[in-house]
Amino acid sequence: MTNPFVLTLSCEDRPGIVAAITTELAAMGSNITESNQFWDRESNRFFMRVAFDAPDGKEGNDIEKLMAPAFDRFSMKSRLQDMARKPKMILMVSKFDHALLHLLYQVRVGQLDAEVVAIVSNHPDAKKFADDEGVPYYHWAVTPETKAEQEAKLLSLVNETNADLVVLARYMQVLSDNLSNRLFGKVINIHHAFLPAFKGANPYRRAHERGVKLIGATAHYVTPDLDEGPIIEQEVERVTHAMSAKDLVAVGRDVENKALSRAVKLHLESRVMLNGMRTVVFA
């Protein structure tokens, strides 16, 4: 028996990094199953993702202790993920439910190897879907007066469930700067544009009025800067002048579903690494 793990690391680039990591893995009897590296010339940062099978009996703490000399030698920022443990997700939704339903289906069929531990909404509409999946549903209305209280409840829920990821599946409330900073790198949002040219209400109607030729969606990490966080995944679809605003909405739903589910999958598999306000994605 072997135990699957994924190790991600970043540090200042210099010779010997890959050799140090692979030597330690080999010394503990691990078998590398996948390896990806990237050198960012602008920042001189090195990024690495290594998937490996550790010998039976080797736990995460054991592996981190054995790897500590290499980590210390190169001042590495590292993260070890036990792939035998299903990551936990909280899904957040408002009234547009297509992204939520797509994610729930992807989990059900095993395309997303994760556990949905809660669905949170500022509306009661999606409760029936949570009930169908046997997932706890939290309806917390949001007003200017209750926003701080609602976000405190959300943060408590993240801690209580040990959630690894929060997904804004067309959740139409802006997270506060405080919450965005506290959960940085753990919240993914889907934005209804390839580039944020049509912000605000009725983006597809505005896109139709401008005669756009591409419909797009961008999945990104949430930051205090609205819709401008590090981009994980993007999707586009060509449209024509013959299509109505309603047609664009339908195309947009599919595009959003694809981009968001791929971004979530990449994150769950530790294939996304933050590089300042950009990402390194080992797809």
C-alpha atoms as a PDB file:
ATOM      1  CA  MET A   1       0.000   0.000   0.000  1.00  0.00           C
ATOM      2  CA  THR A   2       1.129   3.546  -0.765  1.00  0.00           C
ATOM      3  CA  ASN A   3      -0.230   6.931   0.234  1.00  0.00           C
ATOM      4  CA  PRO A   4      -0.677   9.636  -2.466  1.00  0.00           C
ATOM      5  CA  PHE A   5       0.548  13.154  -1.688  1.00  0.00           C
ATOM      6  CA  VAL A   6       1.126  16.386  -3.590  1.00  0.00           C
ATOM      7  CA  LEU A   7       3.911  18.744  -2.596  1.00  0.00           C
ATOM      8  CA  THR A   8       3.946  22.316  -3.883  1.00  0.00           C
ATOM      9  CA  LEU A   9       6.795  24.703  -3.191  1.00  0.00           C
ATOM     10  CA  SER A  10       8.243  28.039  -4.222  1.00  0.00           C
ATOM     11  CA  CYS A  11      11.507  29.815  -3.476  1.00  0.00           C
ATOM     12  CA  GLU A  12      14.173  32.002  -5.018  1.00  0.00           C
ATOM     13  CA  ASP A  13      15.594  30.196  -8.018  1.00  0.00           C
ATOM     14  CA  ARG A  14      19.071  28.695  -7.767  1.00  0.00           C
ATOM     15  CA  PRO A  15      20.775  25.423  -8.734  1.00  0.00           C
ATOM     16  CA  GLY A  16      20.010  22.207  -6.873  1.00  0.00           C
ATOM     17  CA  ILE A  17      16.347  22.665  -5.945  1.00  0.00           C
ATOM     18  CA  VAL A  18      14.914  19.777  -7.962  1.00  0.00           C
ATOM     19  CA  ALA A  19      17.787  17.501  -6.984  1.00  0.00           C
ATOM     20  CA  ALA A  20      17.296  18.259  -3.288  1.00  0.00           C
ATOM     21  CA  ILE A  21      13.570  17.476  -3.391  1.00  0.00           C
ATOM     22  CA  THR A  22      13.793  14.325  -5.491  1.00  0.00           C
ATOM     23  CA  THR A  23      16.743  12.989  -3.486  1.00  0.00           C
ATOM     24  CA  GLU A  24      14.812  13.288  -0.211  1.00  0.00           C
ATOM     25  CA  LEU A  25      11.719  11.675  -1.737  1.00  0.00           C
ATOM     26  CA  ALA A  26      13.783   8.787  -3.065  1.00  0.00           C
ATOM     27  CA  ALA A  27      15.526   8.364   0.292  1.00  0.00           C
ATOM     28  CA  MET A  28      12.195   7.835   2.052  1.00  0.00           C
ATOM     29  CA  GLY A  29      11.118   5.290  -0.566  1.00  0.00           C
ATOM     30  CA  SER A  30       8.572   7.462  -2.377  1.00  0.00           C
ATOM     31  CA  ASN A  31       7.720   7.082  -6.049  1.00  0.00           C
ATOM     32  CA  ILE A  32       7.205  10.307  -8.029  1.00  0.00           C
ATOM     33  CA  THR A  33       4.133  10.053 -10.270  1.00  0.00           C
ATOM     34  CA  GLU A  34       4.080  13.606 -11.692  1.00  0.00           C
ATOM     35  CA  SER A  35       6.428  16.588 -11.594  1.00  0.00           C
ATOM     36  CA  ASN A  36       6.057  20.143 -12.904  1.00  0.00           C
ATOM     37  CA  GLN A  37       8.390  23.126 -12.563  1.00  0.00           C
ATOM     38  CA  PHE A  38       8.336  26.794 -13.600  1.00  0.00           C
ATOM     39  CA  TRP A  39      10.892  29.580 -13.301  1.00  0.00           C
ATOM     40  CA  ASP A  40       9.466  33.097 -13.314  1.00  0.00           C
ATOM     41  CA  ARG A  41      12.267  35.147 -14.814  1.00  0.00           C
ATOM     42  CA  GLU A  42      10.740  38.471 -13.742  1.00  0.00           C
ATOM     43  CA  SER A  43      10.744  37.663 -10.035  1.00  0.00           C
ATOM     44  CA  ASN A  44      13.403  34.914 -10.123  1.00  0.00           C
ATOM     45  CA  ARG A  45      10.968  32.659  -8.269  1.00  0.00           C
ATOM     46  CA  PHE A  46      10.923  28.900  -8.793  1.00  0.00           C
ATOM     47  CA  PHE A  47       7.671  26.947  -8.521  1.00  0.00           C
ATOM     48  CA  MET A  48       7.334  23.184  -8.298  1.00  0.00           C
ATOM     49  CA  ARG A  49       4.530  20.643  -7.934  1.00  0.00           C
ATOM     50  CA  VAL A  50       5.393  17.017  -7.219  1.00  0.00           C
ATOM     51  CA  ALA A  51       2.846  14.208  -6.928  1.00  0.00           C
ATOM     52  CA  PHE A  52       4.201  11.077  -5.280  1.00  0.00           C
ATOM     53  CA  ASP A  53       3.240   7.859  -3.554  1.00  0.00           C
ATOM     54  CA  ALA A  54       4.744   7.577  -0.089  1.00  0.00           C
ATOM     55  CA  PRO A  55       5.381   4.196   1.530  1.00  0.00           C
ATOM     56  CA  ASP A  56       2.649   2.806   3.727  1.00  0.00           C
ATOM     57  CA  GLY A  57       2.892   4.226   7.225  1.00  0.00           C
ATOM     58  CA  LYS A  58       4.388   7.558   6.172  1.00  0.00           C
ATOM     59  CA  GLU A  59       2.049  10.323   7.359  1.00  0.00           C
ATOM     60  CA  GLY A  60       2.110  13.984   6.411  1.00  0.00           C
ATOM     61  CA  ASN A  61       3.987  15.019   9.546  1.00  0.00           C
ATOM     62  CA  ASP A  62       6.627  12.346   8.929  1.00  0.00           C
ATOM     63  CA  ILE A  63       7.169  13.524   5.362  1.00  0.00           C
ATOM     64  CA  GLU A  64       7.434  17.191   6.335  1.00  0.00           C
ATOM     65  CA  LYS A  65      10.050  16.358   8.976  1.00  0.00           C
ATOM     66  CA  LEU A  66      12.102  14.345   6.491  1.00  0.00           C
ATOM     67  CA  MET A  67      11.857  17.129   3.910  1.00  0.00           C
ATOM     68  CA  ALA A  68      12.661  19.922   6.392  1.00  0.00           C
ATOM     69  CA  PRO A  69      16.416  20.076   5.607  1.00  0.00           C
ATOM     70  CA  ALA A  70      15.691  20.727   1.922  1.00  0.00           C
ATOM     71  CA  PHE A  71      12.957  23.231   2.767  1.00  0.00           C
ATOM     72  CA  ASP A  72      15.269  25.124   5.126  1.00  0.00           C
ATOM     73  CA  ARG A  73      18.269  25.024   2.806  1.00  0.00           C
ATOM     74  CA  PHE A  74      16.378  26.849   0.044  1.00  0.00           C
ATOM     75  CA  SER A  75      14.005  28.892   2.276  1.00  0.00           C
ATOM     76  CA  MET A  76      11.084  27.237   0.570  1.00  0.00           C
ATOM     77  CA  LYS A  77       7.427  28.069   1.022  1.00  0.00           C
ATOM     78  CA  SER A  78       5.839  24.627   0.905  1.00  0.00           C
ATOM     79  CA  ARG A  79       2.479  22.880   1.201  1.00  0.00           C
ATOM     80  CA  LEU A  80       1.848  19.145   1.462  1.00  0.00           C
ATOM     81  CA  GLN A  81      -1.580  17.768   0.547  1.00  0.00           C
ATOM     82  CA  ASP A  82      -2.740  14.280   1.474  1.00  0.00           C
ATOM     83  CA  MET A  83      -4.659  13.240  -1.635  1.00  0.00           C
ATOM     84  CA  ALA A  84      -6.402  10.426   0.239  1.00  0.00           C
ATOM     85  CA  ARG A  85      -8.339  13.096   2.165  1.00  0.00           C
ATOM     86  CA  LYS A  86     -11.212  14.723   0.315  1.00  0.00           C
ATOM     87  CA  PRO A  87     -11.017  18.533   0.422  1.00  0.00           C
ATOM     88  CA  LYS A  88     -14.053  20.275   1.902  1.00  0.00           C
ATOM     89  CA  MET A  89     -15.940  23.030   0.088  1.00  0.00           C
ATOM     90  CA  ILE A  90     -18.530  25.625   1.008  1.00  0.00           C
ATOM     91  CA  LEU A  91     -20.608  26.754  -1.981  1.00  0.00           C
ATOM     92  CA  MET A  92     -22.241  30.189  -1.965  1.00  0.00           C
ATOM     93  CA  VAL A  93     -25.063  31.187  -4.302  1.00  0.00           C
ATOM     94  CA  SER A  94     -27.717  33.866  -4.756  1.00  0.00           C
ATOM     95  CA  LYS A  95     -30.582  33.410  -7.247  1.00  0.00           C
ATOM     96  CA  PHE A  96     -28.668  32.315 -10.366  1.00  0.00           C
ATOM     97  CA  ASP A  97     -28.256  28.598  -9.640  1.00  0.00           C
ATOM     98  CA  HIS A  98     -26.602  27.199 -12.807  1.00  0.00           C
ATOM     99  CA  ALA A  99     -23.041  27.280 -11.442  1.00  0.00           C
ATOM    100  CA  LEU A 100     -24.134  25.711  -8.148  1.00  0.00           C
ATOM    101  CA  LEU A 101     -25.979  22.879  -9.894  1.00  0.00           C
ATOM    102  CA  HIS A 102     -23.037  22.222 -12.203  1.00  0.00           C
ATOM    103  CA  LEU A 103     -20.616  21.971  -9.288  1.00  0.00           C
ATOM    104  CA  LEU A 104     -22.934  19.679  -7.335  1.00  0.00           C
ATOM    105  CA  TYR A 105     -23.213  17.404 -10.373  1.00  0.00           C
ATOM    106  CA  GLN A 106     -19.447  17.387 -10.880  1.00  0.00           C
ATOM    107  CA  VAL A 107     -19.017  16.309  -7.247  1.00  0.00           C
ATOM    108  CA  ARG A 108     -21.713  13.652  -7.568  1.00  0.00           C
ATOM    109  CA  VAL A 109     -20.100  11.990 -10.597  1.00  0.00           C
ATOM    110  CA  GLY A 110     -16.597  12.242  -9.153  1.00  0.00           C
ATOM    111  CA  GLN A 111     -15.179  14.803 -11.566  1.00  0.00           C
ATOM    112  CA  LEU A 112     -14.553  17.004  -8.541  1.00  0.00           C
ATOM    113  CA  ASP A 113     -13.090  14.869  -5.767  1.00  0.00           C
ATOM    114  CA  ALA A 114     -14.381  16.920  -2.842  1.00  0.00           C
ATOM    115  CA  GLU A 115     -17.003  17.058  -0.133  1.00  0.00           C
ATOM    116  CA  VAL A 116     -19.550  19.878  -0.098  1.00  0.00           C
ATOM    117  CA  VAL A 117     -19.978  20.600   3.610  1.00  0.00           C
ATOM    118  CA  ALA A 118     -22.398  23.531   3.290  1.00  0.00           C
ATOM    119  CA  ILE A 119     -24.325  25.737   0.896  1.00  0.00           C
ATOM    120  CA  VAL A 120     -24.736  29.366   1.938  1.00  0.00           C
ATOM    121  CA  SER A 121     -27.083  31.862   0.328  1.00  0.00           C
ATOM    122  CA  ASN A 122     -28.608  35.254   0.877  1.00  0.00           C
ATOM    123  CA  HIS A 123     -31.862  33.831  -0.567  1.00  0.00           C
ATOM    124  CA  PRO A 124     -33.917  30.720   0.283  1.00  0.00           C
ATOM    125  CA  ASP A 125     -34.341  29.591  -3.346  1.00  0.00           C
ATOM    126  CA  ALA A 126     -31.572  26.969  -3.549  1.00  0.00           C
ATOM    127  CA  LYS A 127     -32.488  25.077  -0.388  1.00  0.00           C
ATOM    128  CA  LYS A 128     -34.242  22.340  -2.385  1.00  0.00           C
ATOM    129  CA  PHE A 129     -30.977  21.499  -4.130  1.00  0.00           C
ATOM    130  CA  ALA A 130     -29.125  21.274  -0.820  1.00  0.00           C
ATOM    131  CA  ASP A 131     -31.843  18.997   0.554  1.00  0.00           C
ATOM    132  CA  ASP A 132     -31.577  16.740  -2.508  1.00  0.00           C
ATOM    133  CA  GLU A 133     -27.828  16.386  -1.934  1.00  0.00           C
ATOM    134  CA  GLY A 134     -28.090  16.049   1.845  1.00  0.00           C
ATOM    135  CA  VAL A 135     -25.988  19.178   2.371  1.00  0.00           C
ATOM    136  CA  PRO A 136     -26.660  21.672   5.210  1.00  0.00           C
ATOM    137  CA  TYR A 137     -28.168  24.919   3.895  1.00  0.00           C
ATOM    138  CA  TYR A 138     -27.673  28.304   5.517  1.00  0.00           C
ATOM    139  CA  HIS A 139     -29.935  31.163   4.476  1.00  0.00           C
ATOM    140  CA  TRP A 140     -28.382  34.357   5.784  1.00  0.00           C
ATOM    141  CA  ALA A 141     -29.984  37.497   4.407  1.00  0.00           C
ATOM    142  CA  VAL A 142     -27.565  40.342   3.752  1.00  0.00           C
ATOM    143  CA  THR A 143     -28.355  44.009   4.348  1.00  0.00           C
ATOM    144  CA  PRO A 144     -26.000  46.887   5.133  1.00  0.00           C
ATOM    145  CA  GLU A 145     -26.945  46.352   8.780  1.00  0.00           C
ATOM    146  CA  THR A 146     -26.403  42.565   8.827  1.00  0.00           C
ATOM    147  CA  LYS A 147     -23.414  42.233   6.481  1.00  0.00           C
ATOM    148  CA  ALA A 148     -20.771  42.149   9.246  1.00  0.00           C
ATOM    149  CA  GLU A 149     -22.785  39.611  11.249  1.00  0.00           C
ATOM    150  CA  GLN A 150     -23.318  37.409   8.172  1.00  0.00           C
ATOM    151  CA  GLU A 151     -19.610  37.418   7.345  1.00  0.00           C
ATOM    152  CA  ALA A 152     -18.753  36.522  10.936  1.00  0.00           C
ATOM    153  CA  LYS A 153     -21.101  33.534  10.631  1.00  0.00           C
ATOM    154  CA  LEU A 154     -19.419  32.531   7.382  1.00  0.00           C
ATOM    155  CA  LEU A 155     -15.952  32.703   8.914  1.00  0.00           C
ATOM    156  CA  SER A 156     -17.147  30.599  11.857  1.00  0.00           C
ATOM    157  CA  LEU A 157     -18.620  28.060   9.434  1.00  0.00           C
ATOM    158  CA  VAL A 158     -15.320  27.831   7.548  1.00  0.00           C
ATOM    159  CA  ASN A 159     -13.527  27.127  10.820  1.00  0.00           C
ATOM    160  CA  GLU A 160     -16.142  24.692  12.162  1.00  0.00           C
ATOM    161  CA  THR A 161     -16.240  22.609   8.976  1.00  0.00           C
ATOM    162  CA  ASN A 162     -12.479  22.877   8.308  1.00  0.00           C
ATOM    163  CA  ALA A 163     -13.398  24.000   4.791  1.00  0.00           C
ATOM    164  CA  ASP A 164     -10.474  24.133   2.386  1.00  0.00           C
ATOM    165  CA  LEU A 165     -12.266  26.245  -0.199  1.00  0.00           C
ATOM    166  CA  VAL A 166     -15.181  28.663  -0.524  1.00  0.00           C
ATOM    167  CA  VAL A 167     -16.705  28.932  -4.004  1.00  0.00           C
ATOM    168  CA  LEU A 168     -18.821  31.919  -5.000  1.00  0.00           C
ATOM    169  CA  ALA A 169     -21.069  30.148  -7.509  1.00  0.00           C
ATOM    170  CA  ARG A 170     -22.757  33.338  -8.723  1.00  0.00           C
ATOM    171  CA  TYR A 171     -23.030  34.711  -5.206  1.00  0.00           C
ATOM    172  CA  MET A 172     -24.020  38.285  -5.890  1.00  0.00           C
ATOM    173  CA  GLN A 173     -22.728  39.918  -2.719  1.00  0.00           C
ATOM    174  CA  VAL A 174     -19.342  41.607  -2.481  1.00  0.00           C
ATOM    175  CA  LEU A 175     -17.169  40.240   0.319  1.00  0.00           C
ATOM    176  CA  SER A 176     -15.685  42.854   2.625  1.00  0.00           C
ATOM    177  CA  ASP A 177     -12.002  43.744   2.423  1.00  0.00           C
ATOM    178  CA  ASN A 178     -11.490  42.162   5.845  1.00  0.00           C
ATOM    179  CA  LEU A 179     -12.987  38.794   4.860  1.00  0.00           C
ATOM    180  CA  SER A 180     -11.280  38.818   1.451  1.00  0.00           C
ATOM    181  CA  ASN A 181      -7.914  39.320   3.113  1.00  0.00           C
ATOM    182  CA  ARG A 182      -8.491  36.711   5.823  1.00  0.00           C
ATOM    183  CA  LEU A 183      -9.503  34.045   3.289  1.00  0.00           C
ATOM    184  CA  PHE A 184      -7.094  35.065   0.526  1.00  0.00           C
ATOM    185  CA  GLY A 185      -6.276  32.102  -1.690  1.00  0.00           C
ATOM    186  CA  LYS A 186      -9.247  30.117  -0.339  1.00  0.00           C
ATOM    187  CA  VAL A 187     -12.146  31.835  -2.144  1.00  0.00           C
ATOM    188  CA  ILE A 188     -12.830  31.423  -5.873  1.00  0.00           C
ATOM    189  CA  ASN A 189     -15.301  33.611  -7.758  1.00  0.00           C
ATOM    190  CA  ILE A 190     -16.680  33.453 -11.302  1.00  0.00           C
ATOM    191  CA  HIS A 191     -16.867  36.733 -13.191  1.00  0.00           C
ATOM    192  CA  HIS A 192     -19.116  37.011 -16.241  1.00  0.00           C
ATOM    193  CA  ALA A 193     -16.550  38.407 -18.650  1.00  0.00           C
ATOM    194  CA  PHE A 194     -13.332  37.411 -20.383  1.00  0.00           C
ATOM    195  CA  LEU A 195     -12.158  40.899 -19.493  1.00  0.00           C
ATOM    196  CA  PRO A 196     -14.149  42.993 -16.976  1.00  0.00           C
ATOM    197  CA  ALA A 197     -15.618  45.358 -19.566  1.00  0.00           C
ATOM    198  CA  PHE A 198     -19.257  44.993 -18.523  1.00  0.00           C
ATOM    199  CA  LYS A 199     -19.405  45.237 -14.765  1.00  0.00           C
ATOM    200  CA  GLY A 200     -22.577  45.561 -12.746  1.00  0.00           C
ATOM    201  CA  ALA A 201     -26.162  44.643 -13.568  1.00  0.00           C
ATOM    202  CA  ASN A 202     -27.362  43.063 -16.847  1.00  0.00           C
ATOM    203  CA  PRO A 203     -23.891  42.461 -18.322  1.00  0.00           C
ATOM    204  CA  TYR A 204     -25.181  40.302 -21.176  1.00  0.00           C
ATOM    205  CA  ARG A 205     -27.730  42.900 -22.253  1.00  0.00           C
ATOM    206  CA  ARG A 206     -25.000  45.518 -22.270  1.00  0.00           C
ATOM    207  CA  ALA A 207     -22.738  43.160 -24.208  1.00  0.00           C
ATOM    208  CA  HIS A 208     -25.543  42.571 -26.720  1.00  0.00           C
ATOM    209  CA  GLU A 209     -26.056  46.312 -27.131  1.00  0.00           C
ATOM    210  CA  ARG A 210     -22.341  46.708 -27.890  1.00  0.00           C
ATOM    211  CA  GLY A 211     -22.355  43.868 -30.426  1.00  0.00           C
ATOM    212  CA  VAL A 212     -19.734  41.696 -28.770  1.00  0.00           C
ATOM    213  CA  LYS A 213     -18.305  38.763 -30.719  1.00  0.00           C
ATOM    214  CA  LEU A 214     -16.978  36.736 -27.775  1.00  0.00           C
ATOM    215  CA  ILE A 215     -18.697  35.774 -24.538  1.00  0.00           C
ATOM    216  CA  GLY A 216     -16.291  34.959 -21.750  1.00  0.00           C
ATOM    217  CA  ALA A 217     -15.947  34.102 -18.084  1.00  0.00           C
ATOM    218  CA  THR A 218     -13.056  34.425 -15.654  1.00  0.00           C
ATOM    219  CA  ALA A 219     -12.558  32.352 -12.510  1.00  0.00           C
ATOM    220  CA  HIS A 220     -10.268  34.051 -10.015  1.00  0.00           C
ATOM    221  CA  TYR A 221      -9.307  34.251  -6.375  1.00  0.00           C
ATOM    222  CA  VAL A 222     -11.186  36.898  -4.422  1.00  0.00           C
ATOM    223  CA  THR A 223      -9.339  40.020  -3.272  1.00  0.00           C
ATOM    224  CA  PRO A 224     -10.502  43.397  -1.964  1.00  0.00           C
ATOM    225  CA  ASP A 225     -10.244  44.673  -5.568  1.00  0.00           C
ATOM    226  CA  LEU A 226     -13.570  43.637  -7.085  1.00  0.00           C
ATOM    227  CA  ASP A 227     -13.216  41.056  -9.887  1.00  0.00           C
ATOM    228  CA  GLU A 228      -9.486  41.724 -10.180  1.00  0.00           C
ATOM    229  CA  GLY A 229      -7.983  38.871  -8.156  1.00  0.00           C
ATOM    230  CA  PRO A 230      -5.387  36.388  -9.480  1.00  0.00           C
ATOM    231  CA  ILE A 231      -6.871  34.588 -12.484  1.00  0.00           C
ATOM    232  CA  ILE A 232      -7.072  30.785 -12.402  1.00  0.00           C
ATOM    233  CA  GLU A 233      -9.060  29.907 -15.522  1.00  0.00           C
ATOM    234  CA  GLN A 234     -10.860  31.599 -18.408  1.00  0.00           C
ATOM    235  CA  GLU A 235     -13.275  30.410 -21.075  1.00  0.00           C
ATOM    236  CA  VAL A 236     -14.656  32.074 -24.225  1.00  0.00           C
ATOM    237  CA  GLU A 237     -17.323  31.250 -26.805  1.00  0.00           C
ATOM    238  CA  ARG A 238     -17.867  32.989 -30.138  1.00  0.00           C
ATOM    239  CA  VAL A 239     -21.282  34.625 -30.675  1.00  0.00           C
ATOM    240  CA  THR A 240     -22.874  36.412 -33.620  1.00  0.00           C
ATOM    241  CA  HIS A 241     -24.986  39.455 -34.438  1.00  0.00           C
ATOM    242  CA  ALA A 242     -27.991  37.171 -34.940  1.00  0.00           C
ATOM    243  CA  MET A 243     -28.125  36.186 -31.279  1.00  0.00           C
ATOM    244  CA  SER A 244     -30.404  37.930 -28.809  1.00  0.00           C
ATOM    245  CA  ALA A 245     -29.513  39.046 -25.309  1.00  0.00           C
ATOM    246  CA  LYS A 246     -31.341  35.922 -24.064  1.00  0.00           C
ATOM    247  CA  ASP A 247     -29.151  33.768 -26.300  1.00  0.00           C
ATOM    248  CA  LEU A 248     -26.045  35.405 -24.838  1.00  0.00           C
ATOM    249  CA  VAL A 249     -27.255  34.632 -21.325  1.00  0.00           C
ATOM    250  CA  ALA A 250     -27.581  30.947 -22.262  1.00  0.00           C
ATOM    251  CA  VAL A 251     -24.081  30.887 -23.754  1.00  0.00           C
ATOM    252  CA  GLY A 252     -22.797  32.770 -20.724  1.00  0.00           C
ATOM    253  CA  ARG A 253     -24.188  30.186 -18.320  1.00  0.00           C
ATOM    254  CA  ASP A 254     -22.293  27.387 -20.075  1.00  0.00           C
ATOM    255  CA  VAL A 255     -19.096  29.415 -20.222  1.00  0.00           C
ATOM    256  CA  GLU A 256     -19.307  30.288 -16.528  1.00  0.00           C
ATOM    257  CA  ASN A 257     -19.927  26.650 -15.600  1.00  0.00           C
ATOM    258  CA  LYS A 258     -16.900  25.446 -17.557  1.00  0.00           C
ATOM    259  CA  ALA A 259     -14.493  28.076 -16.273  1.00  0.00           C
ATOM    260  CA  LEU A 260     -15.577  27.766 -12.642  1.00  0.00           C
ATOM    261  CA  SER A 261     -15.564  23.969 -12.461  1.00  0.00           C
ATOM    262  CA  ARG A 262     -12.124  23.788 -14.089  1.00  0.00           C
ATOM    263  CA  ALA A 263     -10.758  26.399 -11.698  1.00  0.00           C
ATOM    264  CA  VAL A 264     -12.165  24.537  -8.697  1.00  0.00           C
ATOM    265  CA  LYS A 265     -10.690  21.245  -9.935  1.00  0.00           C
ATOM    266  CA  LEU A 266      -7.271  22.830 -10.466  1.00  0.00           C
ATOM    267  CA  HIS A 267      -7.353  24.286  -6.949  1.00  0.00           C
ATOM    268  CA  LEU A 268      -8.497  21.039  -5.321  1.00  0.00           C
ATOM    269  CA  GLU A 269      -5.632  19.176  -6.966  1.00  0.00           C
ATOM    270  CA  SER A 270      -3.060  21.765  -5.802  1.00  0.00           C
ATOM    271  CA  ARG A 271      -2.300  22.748  -9.381  1.00  0.00           C
ATOM    272  CA  VAL A 272      -2.591  26.492  -8.724  1.00  0.00           C
ATOM    273  CA  MET A 273       0.153  28.475  -7.020  1.00  0.00           C
ATOM    274  CA  LEU A 274      -0.013  32.179  -6.234  1.00  0.00           C
ATOM    275  CA  ASN A 275       2.707  34.332  -7.730  1.00  0.00           C
ATOM    276  CA  GLY A 276       1.925  37.797  -6.393  1.00  0.00           C
ATOM    277  CA  MET A 277      -1.257  38.866  -8.195  1.00  0.00           C
ATOM    278  CA  ARG A 278      -0.795  36.189 -10.842  1.00  0.00           C
ATOM    279  CA  THR A 279      -1.020  32.426 -10.737  1.00  0.00           C
ATOM    280  CA  VAL A 280       1.142  29.539 -11.846  1.00  0.00           C
ATOM    281  CA  VAL A 281      -1.192  26.793 -13.079  1.00  0.00           C
ATOM    282  CA  PHE A 282       0.188  23.299 -13.628  1.00  0.00           C
ATOM    283  CA  ALA A 283      -2.731  21.958 -15.687  1.00  0.00           C
END
